[in-house]
PDB file of N, CA and C in Angstrom:
ATOM      1  N   MET A   1     -61.170 -82.185 -70.968  1.00  0.00           N
ATOM      2  CA  MET A   1     -61.339 -81.799 -72.361  1.00  0.00           C
ATOM      3  C   MET A   1     -61.617 -80.310 -72.491  1.00  0.00           C
ATOM      4  N   THR A   2     -62.364 -79.758 -71.576  1.00  0.00           N
ATOM      5  CA  THR A   2     -62.697 -78.339 -71.599  1.00  0.00           C
ATOM      6  C   THR A   2     -61.431 -77.488 -71.469  1.00  0.00           C
ATOM      7  N   GLU A   3     -60.513 -77.944 -70.607  1.00  0.00           N
ATOM      8  CA  GLU A   3     -59.271 -77.200 -70.408  1.00  0.00           C
ATOM      9  C   GLU A   3     -58.462 -77.119 -71.714  1.00  0.00           C
ATOM     10  N   ILE A   4     -58.478 -78.181 -72.492  1.00  0.00           N
ATOM     11  CA  ILE A   4     -57.737 -78.209 -73.756  1.00  0.00           C
ATOM     12  C   ILE A   4     -58.358 -77.221 -74.747  1.00  0.00           C
ATOM     13  N   ILE A   5     -59.676 -77.169 -74.810  1.00  0.00           N
ATOM     14  CA  ILE A   5     -60.362 -76.249 -75.715  1.00  0.00           C
ATOM     15  C   ILE A   5     -60.074 -74.803 -75.310  1.00  0.00           C
ATOM     16  N   VAL A   6     -60.136 -74.516 -74.017  1.00  0.00           N
ATOM     17  CA  VAL A   6     -59.853 -73.170 -73.512  1.00  0.00           C
ATOM     18  C   VAL A   6     -58.402 -72.797 -73.826  1.00  0.00           C
ATOM     19  N   ALA A   7     -57.490 -73.734 -73.638  1.00  0.00           N
ATOM     20  CA  ALA A   7     -56.075 -73.477 -73.917  1.00  0.00           C
ATOM     21  C   ALA A   7     -55.865 -73.225 -75.408  1.00  0.00           C
ATOM     22  N   ALA A   8     -56.541 -73.964 -76.253  1.00  0.00           N
ATOM     23  CA  ALA A   8     -56.418 -73.779 -77.700  1.00  0.00           C
ATOM     24  C   ALA A   8     -56.954 -72.414 -78.117  1.00  0.00           C
ATOM     25  N   ILE A   9     -58.104 -72.036 -77.544  1.00  0.00           N
ATOM     26  CA  ILE A   9     -58.677 -70.727 -77.854  1.00  0.00           C
ATOM     27  C   ILE A   9     -57.732 -69.614 -77.375  1.00  0.00           C
ATOM     28  N   ALA A  10     -57.155 -69.773 -76.194  1.00  0.00           N
ATOM     29  CA  ALA A  10     -56.200 -68.794 -75.665  1.00  0.00           C
ATOM     30  C   ALA A  10     -54.968 -68.710 -76.563  1.00  0.00           C
ATOM     31  N   LEU A  11     -54.507 -69.849 -77.049  1.00  0.00           N
ATOM     32  CA  LEU A  11     -53.352 -69.885 -77.941  1.00  0.00           C
ATOM     33  C   LEU A  11     -53.650 -69.133 -79.240  1.00  0.00           C
ATOM     34  N   VAL A  12     -54.802 -69.409 -79.821  1.00  0.00           N
ATOM     35  CA  VAL A  12     -55.194 -68.731 -81.059  1.00  0.00           C
ATOM     36  C   VAL A  12     -55.335 -67.234 -80.809  1.00  0.00           C
ATOM     37  N   GLY A  13     -55.961 -66.848 -79.727  1.00  0.00           N
ATOM     38  CA  GLY A  13     -56.120 -65.424 -79.396  1.00  0.00           C
ATOM     39  C   GLY A  13     -54.780 -64.741 -79.206  1.00  0.00           C
ATOM     40  N   THR A  14     -53.887 -65.396 -78.523  1.00  0.00           N
ATOM     41  CA  THR A  14     -52.557 -64.830 -78.309  1.00  0.00           C
ATOM     42  C   THR A  14     -51.806 -64.698 -79.625  1.00  0.00           C
ATOM     43  N   ALA A  15     -51.882 -65.707 -80.467  1.00  0.00           N
ATOM     44  CA  ALA A  15     -51.188 -65.675 -81.759  1.00  0.00           C
ATOM     45  C   ALA A  15     -51.739 -64.562 -82.646  1.00  0.00           C
ATOM     46  N   VAL A  16     -53.059 -64.433 -82.703  1.00  0.00           N
ATOM     47  CA  VAL A  16     -53.675 -63.386 -83.521  1.00  0.00           C
ATOM     48  C   VAL A  16     -53.290 -62.005 -82.984  1.00  0.00           C
ATOM     49  N   GLY A  17     -53.328 -61.834 -81.678  1.00  0.00           N
ATOM     50  CA  GLY A  17     -52.951 -60.545 -81.082  1.00  0.00           C
ATOM     51  C   GLY A  17     -51.494 -60.211 -81.349  1.00  0.00           C
ATOM     52  N   SER A  18     -50.623 -61.192 -81.221  1.00  0.00           N
ATOM     53  CA  SER A  18     -49.202 -60.954 -81.472  1.00  0.00           C
ATOM     54  C   SER A  18     -48.957 -60.597 -82.934  1.00  0.00           C
ATOM     55  N   LEU A  19     -49.568 -61.335 -83.846  1.00  0.00           N
ATOM     56  CA  LEU A  19     -49.391 -61.036 -85.270  1.00  0.00           C
ATOM     57  C   LEU A  19     -49.944 -59.664 -85.621  1.00  0.00           C
ATOM     58  N   GLY A  20     -51.095 -59.325 -85.034  1.00  0.00           N
ATOM     59  CA  GLY A  20     -51.670 -58.003 -85.273  1.00  0.00           C
ATOM     60  C   GLY A  20     -50.733 -56.896 -84.793  1.00  0.00           C
ATOM     61  N   GLY A  21     -50.135 -57.079 -83.638  1.00  0.00           N
ATOM     62  CA  GLY A  21     -49.184 -56.101 -83.106  1.00  0.00           C
ATOM     63  C   GLY A  21     -47.943 -55.983 -83.978  1.00  0.00           C
ATOM     64  N   ILE A  22     -47.460 -57.111 -84.445  1.00  0.00           N
ATOM     65  CA  ILE A  22     -46.283 -57.106 -85.323  1.00  0.00           C
ATOM     66  C   ILE A  22     -46.594 -56.375 -86.624  1.00  0.00           C
ATOM     67  N   LEU A  23     -47.757 -56.645 -87.207  1.00  0.00           N
ATOM     68  CA  LEU A  23     -48.130 -55.983 -88.461  1.00  0.00           C
ATOM     69  C   LEU A  23     -48.295 -54.480 -88.267  1.00  0.00           C
ATOM     70  N   ALA A  24     -48.906 -54.076 -87.164  1.00  0.00           N
ATOM     71  CA  ALA A  24     -49.094 -52.646 -86.893  1.00  0.00           C
ATOM     72  C   ALA A  24     -47.747 -51.964 -86.703  1.00  0.00           C
ATOM     73  N   ALA A  25     -46.858 -52.586 -85.965  1.00  0.00           N
ATOM     74  CA  ALA A  25     -45.526 -52.008 -85.755  1.00  0.00           C
ATOM     75  C   ALA A  25     -44.759 -51.931 -87.071  1.00  0.00           C
ATOM     76  N   ASN A  26     -44.908 -52.948 -87.897  1.00  0.00           N
ATOM     77  CA  ASN A  26     -44.227 -52.964 -89.194  1.00  0.00           C
ATOM     78  C   ASN A  26     -44.739 -51.834 -90.085  1.00  0.00           C
ATOM     79  N   ARG A  27     -46.047 -51.614 -90.105  1.00  0.00           N
ATOM     80  CA  ARG A  27     -46.610 -50.521 -90.897  1.00  0.00           C
ATOM     81  C   ARG A  27     -46.105 -49.168 -90.415  1.00  0.00           C
ATOM     82  N   LEU A  28     -46.061 -48.994 -89.101  1.00  0.00           N
ATOM     83  CA  LEU A  28     -45.570 -47.738 -88.536  1.00  0.00           C
ATOM     84  C   LEU A  28     -44.095 -47.528 -88.884  1.00  0.00           C
ATOM     85  N   THR A  29     -43.307 -48.578 -88.796  1.00  0.00           N
ATOM     86  CA  THR A  29     -41.888 -48.482 -89.139  1.00  0.00           C
ATOM     87  C   THR A  29     -41.711 -48.122 -90.604  1.00  0.00           C
ATOM     88  N   ASN A  30     -42.466 -48.747 -91.476  1.00  0.00           N
ATOM     89  CA  ASN A  30     -42.383 -48.424 -92.906  1.00  0.00           C
ATOM     90  C   ASN A  30     -42.787 -46.981 -93.179  1.00  0.00           C
ATOM     91  N   TYR A  31     -43.818 -46.506 -92.510  1.00  0.00           N
ATOM     92  CA  TYR A  31     -44.256 -45.124 -92.671  1.00  0.00           C
ATOM     93  C   TYR A  31     -43.151 -44.151 -92.244  1.00  0.00           C
ATOM     94  N   ARG A  32     -42.547 -44.424 -91.099  1.00  0.00           N
ATOM     95  CA  ARG A  32     -41.489 -43.539 -90.598  1.00  0.00           C
ATOM     96  C   ARG A  32     -40.270 -43.571 -91.510  1.00  0.00           C
ATOM     97  N   ILE A  33     -39.949 -44.726 -92.066  1.00  0.00           N
ATOM     98  CA  ILE A  33     -38.830 -44.817 -93.007  1.00  0.00           C
ATOM     99  C   ILE A  33     -39.127 -43.984 -94.250  1.00  0.00           C
ATOM    100  N   GLU A  34     -40.352 -44.058 -94.755  1.00  0.00           N
ATOM    101  CA  GLU A  34     -40.729 -43.255 -95.925  1.00  0.00           C
ATOM    102  C   GLU A  34     -40.603 -41.758 -95.623  1.00  0.00           C
ATOM    103  N   GLN A  35     -41.030 -41.345 -94.428  1.00  0.00           N
ATOM    104  CA  GLN A  35     -40.925 -39.944 -94.052  1.00  0.00           C
ATOM    105  C   GLN A  35     -39.460 -39.507 -93.993  1.00  0.00           C
ATOM    106  N   LEU A  36     -38.618 -40.360 -93.433  1.00  0.00           N
ATOM    107  CA  LEU A  36     -37.192 -40.036 -93.369  1.00  0.00           C
ATOM    108  C   LEU A  36     -36.572 -39.979 -94.763  1.00  0.00           C
ATOM    109  N   GLU A  37     -36.987 -40.870 -95.639  1.00  0.00           N
ATOM    110  CA  GLU A  37     -36.472 -40.844 -97.010  1.00  0.00           C
ATOM    111  C   GLU A  37     -36.848 -39.537 -97.701  1.00  0.00           C
ATOM    112  N   GLN A  38     -38.063 -39.055 -97.466  1.00  0.00           N
ATOM    113  CA  GLN A  38     -38.484 -37.792 -98.063  1.00  0.00           C
ATOM    114  C   GLN A  38     -37.644 -36.632 -97.524  1.00  0.00           C
ATOM    115  N   LYS A  39     -37.350 -36.645 -96.226  1.00  0.00           N
ATOM    116  CA  LYS A  39     -36.522 -35.600 -95.651  1.00  0.00           C
ATOM    117  C   LYS A  39     -35.105 -35.651 -96.217  1.00  0.00           C
ATOM    118  N   VAL A  40     -34.579 -36.850 -96.393  1.00  0.00           N
ATOM    119  CA  VAL A  40     -33.233 -36.999 -96.960  1.00  0.00           C
ATOM    120  C   VAL A  40     -33.222 -36.492 -98.396  1.00  0.00           C
ATOM    121  N   ASP A  41     -34.267 -36.789 -99.158  1.00  0.00           N
ATOM    122  CA  ASP A  41     -34.344 -36.303-100.534  1.00  0.00           C
ATOM    123  C   ASP A  41     -34.354 -34.768-100.571  1.00  0.00           C
ATOM    124  N   LYS A  42     -35.124 -34.152 -99.687  1.00  0.00           N
ATOM    125  CA  LYS A  42     -35.160 -32.692 -99.625  1.00  0.00           C
ATOM    126  C   LYS A  42     -33.781 -32.149 -99.256  1.00  0.00           C
ATOM    127  N   HIS A  43     -33.144 -32.775 -98.288  1.00  0.00           N
ATOM    128  CA  HIS A  43     -31.815 -32.346 -97.856  1.00  0.00           C
ATOM    129  C   HIS A  43     -30.822 -32.460 -98.995  1.00  0.00           C
ATOM    130  N   ASN A  44     -30.853 -33.562 -99.714  1.00  0.00           N
ATOM    131  CA  ASN A  44     -29.933 -33.751-100.834  1.00  0.00           C
ATOM    132  C   ASN A  44     -30.182 -32.714-101.919  1.00  0.00           C
ATOM    133  N   SER A  45     -31.432 -32.366-102.132  1.00  0.00           N
ATOM    134  CA  SER A  45     -31.769 -31.345-103.121  1.00  0.00           C
ATOM    135  C   SER A  45     -31.171 -30.003-102.726  1.00  0.00           C
ATOM    136  N   VAL A  46     -31.255 -29.672-101.447  1.00  0.00           N
ATOM    137  CA  VAL A  46     -30.695 -28.414-100.970  1.00  0.00           C
ATOM    138  C   VAL A  46     -29.176 -28.422-101.138  1.00  0.00           C
ATOM    139  N   ILE A  47     -28.547 -29.526-100.809  1.00  0.00           N
ATOM    140  CA  ILE A  47     -27.095 -29.629-100.937  1.00  0.00           C
ATOM    141  C   ILE A  47     -26.680 -29.451-102.396  1.00  0.00           C
ATOM    142  N   GLU A  48     -27.412 -30.049-103.312  1.00  0.00           N
ATOM    143  CA  GLU A  48     -27.088 -29.905-104.737  1.00  0.00           C
ATOM    144  C   GLU A  48     -27.231 -28.452-105.185  1.00  0.00           C
ATOM    145  N   ARG A  49     -28.286 -27.791-104.725  1.00  0.00           N
ATOM    146  CA  ARG A  49     -28.493 -26.395-105.104  1.00  0.00           C
ATOM    147  C   ARG A  49     -27.410 -25.506-104.518  1.00  0.00           C
ATOM    148  N   ILE A  50     -26.996 -25.781-103.297  1.00  0.00           N
ATOM    149  CA  ILE A  50     -25.930 -24.995-102.674  1.00  0.00           C
ATOM    150  C   ILE A  50     -24.638 -25.164-103.456  1.00  0.00           C
ATOM    151  N   ALA A  51     -24.343 -26.372-103.910  1.00  0.00           N
ATOM    152  CA  ALA A  51     -23.133 -26.604-104.698  1.00  0.00           C
ATOM    153  C   ALA A  51     -23.155 -25.767-105.974  1.00  0.00           C
ATOM    154  N   VAL A  52     -24.303 -25.699-106.623  1.00  0.00           N
ATOM    155  CA  VAL A  52     -24.429 -24.891-107.839  1.00  0.00           C
ATOM    156  C   VAL A  52     -24.220 -23.413-107.514  1.00  0.00           C
ATOM    157  N   VAL A  53     -24.799 -22.954-106.426  1.00  0.00           N
ATOM    158  CA  VAL A  53     -24.650 -21.558-106.023  1.00  0.00           C
ATOM    159  C   VAL A  53     -23.185 -21.250-105.704  1.00  0.00           C
ATOM    160  N   GLU A  54     -22.497 -22.173-105.052  1.00  0.00           N
ATOM    161  CA  GLU A  54     -21.088 -21.962-104.731  1.00  0.00           C
ATOM    162  C   GLU A  54     -20.251 -21.818-105.997  1.00  0.00           C
ATOM    163  N   VAL A  55     -20.532 -22.632-106.997  1.00  0.00           N
ATOM    164  CA  VAL A  55     -19.788 -22.546-108.260  1.00  0.00           C
ATOM    165  C   VAL A  55     -20.059 -21.205-108.924  1.00  0.00           C
ATOM    166  N   LYS A  56     -21.318 -20.797-108.979  1.00  0.00           N
ATOM    167  CA  LYS A  56     -21.656 -19.511-109.599  1.00  0.00           C
ATOM    168  C   LYS A  56     -21.029 -18.346-108.836  1.00  0.00           C
ATOM    169  N   LEU A  57     -21.035 -18.414-107.521  1.00  0.00           N
ATOM    170  CA  LEU A  57     -20.441 -17.365-106.713  1.00  0.00           C
ATOM    171  C   LEU A  57     -18.937 -17.279-106.961  1.00  0.00           C
ATOM    172  N   SER A  58     -18.296 -18.400-107.049  1.00  0.00           N
ATOM    173  CA  SER A  58     -16.865 -18.426-107.328  1.00  0.00           C
ATOM    174  C   SER A  58     -16.574 -17.795-108.691  1.00  0.00           C
ATOM    175  N   GLU A  59     -17.369 -18.129-109.680  1.00  0.00           N
ATOM    176  CA  GLU A  59     -17.203 -17.541-111.011  1.00  0.00           C
ATOM    177  C   GLU A  59     -17.387 -16.029-110.961  1.00  0.00           C
ATOM    178  N   GLN A  60     -18.391 -15.578-110.224  1.00  0.00           N
ATOM    179  CA  GLN A  60     -18.652 -14.151-110.128  1.00  0.00           C
ATOM    180  C   GLN A  60     -17.517 -13.427-109.399  1.00  0.00           C
ATOM    181  N   GLN A  61     -16.958 -14.071-108.388  1.00  0.00           N
ATOM    182  CA  GLN A  61     -15.834 -13.470-107.681  1.00  0.00           C
ATOM    183  C   GLN A  61     -14.627 -13.327-108.607  1.00  0.00           C
ATOM    184  N   HIS A  62     -14.379 -14.330-109.423  1.00  0.00           N
ATOM    185  CA  HIS A  62     -13.278 -14.252-110.385  1.00  0.00           C
ATOM    186  C   HIS A  62     -13.538 -13.143-111.414  1.00  0.00           C
ATOM    187  N   ASP A  63     -14.767 -13.054-111.893  1.00  0.00           N
ATOM    188  CA  ASP A  63     -15.117 -12.001-112.856  1.00  0.00           C
ATOM    189  C   ASP A  63     -14.924 -10.619-112.231  1.00  0.00           C
ATOM    190  N   LEU A  64     -15.364 -10.469-110.986  1.00  0.00           N
ATOM    191  CA  LEU A  64     -15.233  -9.196-110.294  1.00  0.00           C
ATOM    192  C   LEU A  64     -13.754  -8.836-110.111  1.00  0.00           C
ATOM    193  N   ALA A  65     -12.954  -9.798-109.721  1.00  0.00           N
ATOM    194  CA  ALA A  65     -11.521  -9.547-109.553  1.00  0.00           C
ATOM    195  C   ALA A  65     -10.889  -9.147-110.887  1.00  0.00           C
ATOM    196  N   ARG A  66     -11.285  -9.797-111.963  1.00  0.00           N
ATOM    197  CA  ARG A  66     -10.761  -9.469-113.288  1.00  0.00           C
ATOM    198  C   ARG A  66     -11.168  -8.060-113.687  1.00  0.00           C
ATOM    199  N   LEU A  67     -12.430  -7.696-113.455  1.00  0.00           N
ATOM    200  CA  LEU A  67     -12.899  -6.349-113.788  1.00  0.00           C
ATOM    201  C   LEU A  67     -12.172  -5.287-112.966  1.00  0.00           C
ATOM    202  N   ARG A  68     -11.940  -5.560-111.699  1.00  0.00           N
ATOM    203  CA  ARG A  68     -11.208  -4.616-110.863  1.00  0.00           C
ATOM    204  C   ARG A  68      -9.775  -4.461-111.365  1.00  0.00           C
ATOM    205  N   ALA A  69      -9.168  -5.576-111.762  1.00  0.00           N
ATOM    206  CA  ALA A  69      -7.801  -5.524-112.273  1.00  0.00           C
ATOM    207  C   ALA A  69      -7.739  -4.731-113.576  1.00  0.00           C
ATOM    208  N   GLU A  70      -8.736  -4.877-114.423  1.00  0.00           N
ATOM    209  CA  GLU A  70      -8.773  -4.124-115.683  1.00  0.00           C
ATOM    210  C   GLU A  70      -8.999  -2.645-115.425  1.00  0.00           C
ATOM    211  N   ARG A  71      -9.777  -2.322-114.429  1.00  0.00           N
ATOM    212  CA  ARG A  71     -10.118  -0.935-114.128  1.00  0.00           C
ATOM    213  C   ARG A  71      -8.939  -0.203-113.481  1.00  0.00           C
ATOM    214  N   ASN A  72      -8.213  -0.907-112.638  1.00  0.00           N
ATOM    215  CA  ASN A  72      -7.070  -0.324-111.925  1.00  0.00           C
ATOM    216  C   ASN A  72      -5.793  -1.074-112.285  1.00  0.00           C
ATOM    217  N   PRO A  73      -5.210  -0.786-113.413  1.00  0.00           N
ATOM    218  CA  PRO A  73      -4.024  -1.549-113.846  1.00  0.00           C
ATOM    219  C   PRO A  73      -2.815  -1.302-113.011  1.00  0.00           C
TER     220      PRO A  73
END
């Protein structure tokens, strides 16, 4: 009978330890995913700003070419 009680206690201890490890790993994974999402958001923001700058630069290049053409017919 003692062996059964010891085995049951060992089973419960193992189950609690395994669940605790799974929960800790899950929390760490969620944290790392959140950090990566924040980095992706920053990256996307930079890409959007670069696109706007490219459009403005293109417009300015066209304006400059037009002004040069007007100045030197």
